[in-house]
Amino acid sequence: MKKSNLYYKTLFQRRNVIMDTLLDFFLALSSWPRLILEVPIRRNMGERYFRFSIAVWLIIIMSFMPLFIYSKSPYQYRDDAVFTFVKMFFTWYAYVGYFAYSAWQRRLEIKRLPGAFDFQRFSLSTGQIHERFRNFEFNGQRLTTRQIETLLEPGFFFFTGILLGLLNQPIGGVFHLCSLFYAFSYQAQYRKGDDFILDKIDEQIANEELVKAFVEGEDATDTRGFNFYGRRPADPDARRRVADLFADDEVAVAF
């Protein structure tokens, strides 16, 4: 029977609301922007993470976006409007074509992968990182997966977007926007993972130091930083009886 520390969950499970809201914003809206960049550089994605139907919608939307963008620009009134359109959006349609090819490859990979319903495959897998990113070295050391996903991969597209922007290629702006969602959404996921582990560690410490902090009234320096906030009953026996109420049983389901 696992113990859940109610006192810890009530007082200590607080977050940086502003930062969490910002990161959750990027995480909530990151699905399409991340796929635009991930599909060409990742392999063997999970069948629920990569949806070919979504990729098709992205291809359609990105195919028509240049027409809308160009219709709002002053270039449409020039004598060489068609040539200017081709010059501006050649790299755009080249990437759309490569994205479409990569999306088809991801679809074929999913068909060849072991079945997720047979516990052979994590269906929400973000895929395998490209070996060129894996083998990239900085100061003689390879980067961690976290550094690759939050810095290297989005950074590659961000700086590529700068170069394309200098060449007056609108696809550079797409790279800029998507790379920001890419970086911040992965950062949000890693932050949530860190908080989950620290919550479990802190709750265990709270369980182990509860008697010292609440019943015996020890200072935080003697309880690994855990402190009790609030009034305590004067009677030590009453404190022990109250302390027993701090933990709640978490019932595990038996099969």
Protein backbone atom coordinates (compact mmCIF):
# COMPACT_ATOMS: atom_id res chain seq x y z
CA MET A 1 0.00 0.00 0.00
CA LYS A 2 1.57 3.28 -1.10
CA LYS A 3 1.35 6.39 1.11
CA SER A 4 0.38 9.76 -0.32
CA ASN A 5 1.46 12.76 1.79
CA LEU A 6 -1.57 15.06 1.88
CA TYR A 7 0.30 17.82 3.72
CA TYR A 8 2.98 17.94 1.04
CA LYS A 9 0.48 17.97 -1.82
CA THR A 10 -1.51 20.77 -0.19
CA LEU A 11 1.34 23.12 0.70
CA PHE A 12 4.31 22.38 -1.52
CA GLN A 13 3.09 21.40 -4.97
CA ARG A 14 3.20 24.96 -6.27
CA ARG A 15 4.57 26.18 -9.58
CA ASN A 16 5.91 29.24 -11.31
CA VAL A 17 2.51 30.13 -12.75
CA ILE A 18 3.75 32.64 -15.34
CA MET A 19 6.49 30.36 -16.69
CA ASP A 20 4.25 27.29 -16.65
CA THR A 21 1.51 29.15 -18.49
CA LEU A 22 3.97 30.29 -21.15
CA LEU A 23 5.45 26.84 -21.63
CA ASP A 24 2.01 25.20 -21.63
CA PHE A 25 0.96 27.67 -24.34
CA PHE A 26 3.79 26.55 -26.61
CA LEU A 27 3.17 22.89 -25.73
CA ALA A 28 -0.55 23.11 -26.46
CA LEU A 29 -0.02 24.72 -29.88
CA SER A 30 3.15 22.87 -30.85
CA SER A 31 1.72 19.86 -32.68
CA TRP A 32 1.60 21.26 -36.21
CA PRO A 33 4.66 23.55 -35.99
CA ARG A 34 6.75 20.69 -34.64
CA LEU A 35 5.61 18.27 -37.33
CA ILE A 36 6.56 20.77 -40.03
CA LEU A 37 10.16 20.51 -38.87
CA GLU A 38 10.29 17.01 -37.39
CA VAL A 39 8.88 15.01 -40.28
CA PRO A 40 11.94 15.59 -42.53
CA ILE A 41 14.55 15.03 -39.76
CA ARG A 42 13.06 12.26 -37.60
CA ARG A 43 12.55 8.58 -38.28
CA ASN A 44 10.25 5.84 -36.92
CA MET A 45 7.67 8.03 -35.22
CA GLY A 46 4.82 6.62 -33.16
CA GLU A 47 1.55 6.05 -34.99
CA ARG A 48 -0.37 8.41 -32.67
CA TYR A 49 2.34 11.07 -32.74
CA PHE A 50 2.54 11.23 -36.52
CA ARG A 51 -0.79 11.30 -38.31
CA PHE A 52 -0.54 11.16 -42.07
CA SER A 53 -3.89 12.92 -42.38
CA ILE A 54 -2.49 15.91 -40.46
CA ALA A 55 0.54 15.91 -42.72
CA VAL A 56 -1.76 16.05 -45.75
CA TRP A 57 -3.59 19.04 -44.26
CA LEU A 58 -0.26 20.77 -43.65
CA ILE A 59 0.74 20.15 -47.27
CA ILE A 60 -2.53 21.64 -48.52
CA ILE A 61 -2.36 24.68 -46.24
CA MET A 62 1.29 25.37 -47.03
CA SER A 63 0.62 25.00 -50.74
CA PHE A 64 -2.02 27.75 -50.73
CA MET A 65 -0.41 30.08 -48.19
CA PRO A 66 1.99 31.70 -50.73
CA LEU A 67 -0.96 32.74 -52.89
CA PHE A 68 -2.53 34.51 -49.92
CA ILE A 69 0.75 36.10 -48.83
CA TYR A 70 1.54 37.31 -52.33
CA SER A 71 -1.96 38.73 -52.80
CA LYS A 72 -1.32 41.05 -49.85
CA SER A 73 2.10 42.21 -51.06
CA PRO A 74 2.90 45.11 -53.42
CA TYR A 75 4.82 42.73 -55.70
CA GLN A 76 1.58 41.54 -57.34
CA TYR A 77 1.31 44.84 -59.25
CA ARG A 78 4.72 44.60 -60.88
CA ASP A 79 5.13 43.71 -64.53
CA ASP A 80 7.24 40.69 -63.59
CA ALA A 81 4.83 39.53 -60.89
CA VAL A 82 4.92 35.88 -61.95
CA PHE A 83 8.71 35.76 -62.06
CA THR A 84 8.90 37.48 -58.67
CA PHE A 85 6.44 34.99 -57.20
CA VAL A 86 8.51 32.06 -58.45
CA LYS A 87 11.72 33.63 -57.14
CA MET A 88 10.24 34.29 -53.72
CA PHE A 89 8.49 30.98 -53.20
CA PHE A 90 10.73 28.50 -55.00
CA THR A 91 12.34 27.43 -51.71
CA TRP A 92 8.90 27.34 -50.08
CA TYR A 93 7.48 24.84 -52.56
CA ALA A 94 10.75 22.93 -52.58
CA TYR A 95 10.36 22.39 -48.82
CA VAL A 96 6.68 21.50 -49.20
CA GLY A 97 7.69 18.87 -51.74
CA TYR A 98 10.38 17.49 -49.47
CA PHE A 99 7.96 17.52 -46.54
CA ALA A 100 5.41 15.56 -48.58
CA TYR A 101 8.06 12.98 -49.55
CA SER A 102 9.22 12.68 -45.92
CA ALA A 103 5.64 12.34 -44.68
CA TRP A 104 5.09 9.42 -47.04
CA GLN A 105 8.30 7.80 -45.78
CA ARG A 106 7.15 8.20 -42.16
CA ARG A 107 3.85 6.54 -43.11
CA LEU A 108 5.64 3.56 -44.63
CA GLU A 109 7.88 3.27 -41.56
CA ILE A 110 4.88 3.11 -39.24
CA LYS A 111 3.41 0.28 -41.33
CA ARG A 112 6.64 -1.70 -40.98
CA LEU A 113 7.07 -1.08 -37.24
CA PRO A 114 5.86 -3.58 -34.60
CA GLY A 115 2.27 -3.10 -33.47
CA ALA A 116 1.56 -0.67 -30.63
CA PHE A 117 -1.38 -2.80 -29.46
CA ASP A 118 1.03 -5.70 -28.88
CA PHE A 119 3.15 -3.64 -26.45
CA GLN A 120 5.98 -3.58 -29.00
CA ARG A 121 5.94 0.12 -29.71
CA PHE A 122 5.28 3.40 -27.87
CA SER A 123 2.59 4.97 -30.02
CA LEU A 124 3.45 8.55 -28.95
CA SER A 125 7.13 8.25 -29.80
CA THR A 126 8.60 11.43 -31.31
CA GLY A 127 10.88 9.29 -33.44
CA GLN A 128 14.61 8.74 -33.72
CA ILE A 129 16.92 11.73 -33.87
CA HIS A 130 18.90 12.03 -37.11
CA GLU A 131 22.44 10.69 -36.79
CA ARG A 132 23.93 14.02 -37.89
CA PHE A 133 22.43 15.68 -34.84
CA ARG A 134 23.44 12.71 -32.67
CA ASN A 135 27.03 12.91 -33.88
CA PHE A 136 27.31 16.69 -33.58
CA GLU A 137 30.04 17.70 -31.12
CA PHE A 138 30.56 20.91 -29.20
CA ASN A 139 33.90 21.42 -27.43
CA GLY A 140 34.75 17.83 -28.22
CA GLN A 141 31.60 16.39 -26.61
CA ARG A 142 28.36 15.12 -28.04
CA LEU A 143 25.20 16.81 -26.90
CA THR A 144 22.59 15.11 -24.73
CA THR A 145 19.15 14.26 -26.12
CA ARG A 146 17.74 17.16 -24.13
CA GLN A 147 20.23 19.61 -25.64
CA ILE A 148 19.55 18.29 -29.14
CA GLU A 149 15.79 18.63 -28.83
CA THR A 150 15.71 22.01 -27.10
CA LEU A 151 18.69 23.70 -28.77
CA LEU A 152 20.34 21.96 -31.70
CA GLU A 153 17.37 20.86 -33.81
CA PRO A 154 15.34 24.09 -33.44
CA GLY A 155 18.54 26.14 -33.66
CA PHE A 156 19.36 24.57 -37.02
CA PHE A 157 16.04 25.67 -38.47
CA PHE A 158 16.16 29.06 -36.76
CA PHE A 159 19.51 30.01 -38.28
CA THR A 160 18.51 28.48 -41.61
CA GLY A 161 15.47 30.75 -41.42
CA ILE A 162 17.73 33.77 -40.89
CA LEU A 163 19.72 32.91 -44.00
CA LEU A 164 16.57 32.41 -46.06
CA GLY A 165 15.12 35.64 -44.71
CA LEU A 166 18.19 37.54 -45.87
CA LEU A 167 17.56 36.07 -49.31
CA ASN A 168 13.95 37.34 -49.21
CA GLN A 169 12.53 33.84 -48.93
CA PRO A 170 9.26 33.77 -46.90
CA ILE A 171 9.84 30.15 -45.86
CA GLY A 172 12.44 31.57 -43.48
CA GLY A 173 9.68 33.12 -41.41
CA VAL A 174 7.96 29.74 -41.16
CA PHE A 175 11.21 28.21 -39.91
CA HIS A 176 11.55 30.98 -37.33
CA LEU A 177 8.06 30.52 -35.93
CA CYS A 178 8.12 26.73 -35.94
CA SER A 179 11.58 26.58 -34.36
CA LEU A 180 10.37 28.68 -31.42
CA PHE A 181 7.41 26.35 -30.83
CA TYR A 182 9.79 23.42 -31.28
CA ALA A 183 12.28 24.63 -28.66
CA PHE A 184 9.81 25.88 -26.05
CA SER A 185 7.47 22.90 -26.32
CA TYR A 186 10.31 20.43 -25.74
CA GLN A 187 11.55 22.63 -22.91
CA ALA A 188 8.06 22.44 -21.40
CA GLN A 189 8.06 18.65 -21.63
CA TYR A 190 11.45 18.34 -19.97
CA ARG A 191 10.42 20.80 -17.26
CA LYS A 192 7.30 18.75 -16.53
CA GLY A 193 9.44 15.62 -16.39
CA ASP A 194 11.86 17.28 -13.97
CA ASP A 195 9.00 18.47 -11.76
CA PHE A 196 7.46 14.99 -11.72
CA ILE A 197 10.70 13.40 -10.47
CA LEU A 198 11.33 16.16 -7.92
CA ASP A 199 7.75 15.86 -6.66
CA LYS A 200 8.29 12.16 -5.97
CA ILE A 201 11.63 12.78 -4.25
CA ASP A 202 10.27 15.67 -2.16
CA GLU A 203 7.20 13.69 -1.15
CA GLN A 204 9.39 10.83 0.03
CA ILE A 205 11.53 13.25 2.05
CA ALA A 206 8.36 14.78 3.51
CA ASN A 207 7.17 11.31 4.55
CA GLU A 208 10.51 10.45 6.14
CA GLU A 209 10.99 13.76 7.96
CA LEU A 210 7.37 14.32 9.03
CA VAL A 211 7.88 13.04 12.57
CA LYS A 212 10.93 15.22 13.14
CA ALA A 213 9.35 18.34 11.67
CA PHE A 214 5.82 18.07 13.08
CA VAL A 215 5.96 15.85 16.16
CA GLU A 216 9.44 16.67 17.46
CA GLY A 217 9.54 20.23 16.15
CA GLU A 218 13.01 19.92 14.63
CA ASP A 219 14.41 22.79 12.56
CA ALA A 220 14.62 22.53 8.75
CA THR A 221 18.41 22.20 9.00
CA ASP A 222 17.86 18.79 10.64
CA THR A 223 15.10 17.63 8.28
CA ARG A 224 16.85 18.01 4.91
CA GLY A 225 15.09 21.36 4.37
CA PHE A 226 11.56 20.10 5.03
CA ASN A 227 9.64 22.44 7.29
CA PHE A 228 6.19 22.35 8.85
CA TYR A 229 4.07 25.47 8.38
CA GLY A 230 1.24 25.94 10.83
CA ARG A 231 0.38 25.53 14.50
CA ARG A 232 1.01 22.23 16.24
CA PRO A 233 -0.90 20.73 19.19
CA ALA A 234 0.95 21.20 22.47
CA ASP A 235 0.61 17.53 23.45
CA PRO A 236 3.20 15.29 21.66
CA ASP A 237 0.74 12.36 21.63
CA ALA A 238 -1.86 14.56 19.95
CA ARG A 239 0.74 15.54 17.38
CA ARG A 240 1.36 11.90 16.58
CA ARG A 241 -2.33 11.21 16.15
CA VAL A 242 -2.67 14.21 13.82
CA ALA A 243 0.48 13.17 11.92
CA ASP A 244 -1.16 9.82 11.16
CA LEU A 245 -3.82 11.72 9.24
CA PHE A 246 -1.27 13.41 7.00
CA ALA A 247 -0.79 10.31 4.85
CA ASP A 248 -3.47 8.72 2.72
CA ASP A 249 -3.32 5.23 1.26
CA GLU A 250 -3.10 5.01 -2.51
CA VAL A 251 -4.68 1.69 -3.44
CA ALA A 252 -3.04 -0.12 -6.31
CA VAL A 253 -5.31 -2.03 -8.66
CA ALA A 254 -4.69 -5.76 -8.54
CA PHE A 255 -5.20 -7.99 -11.57
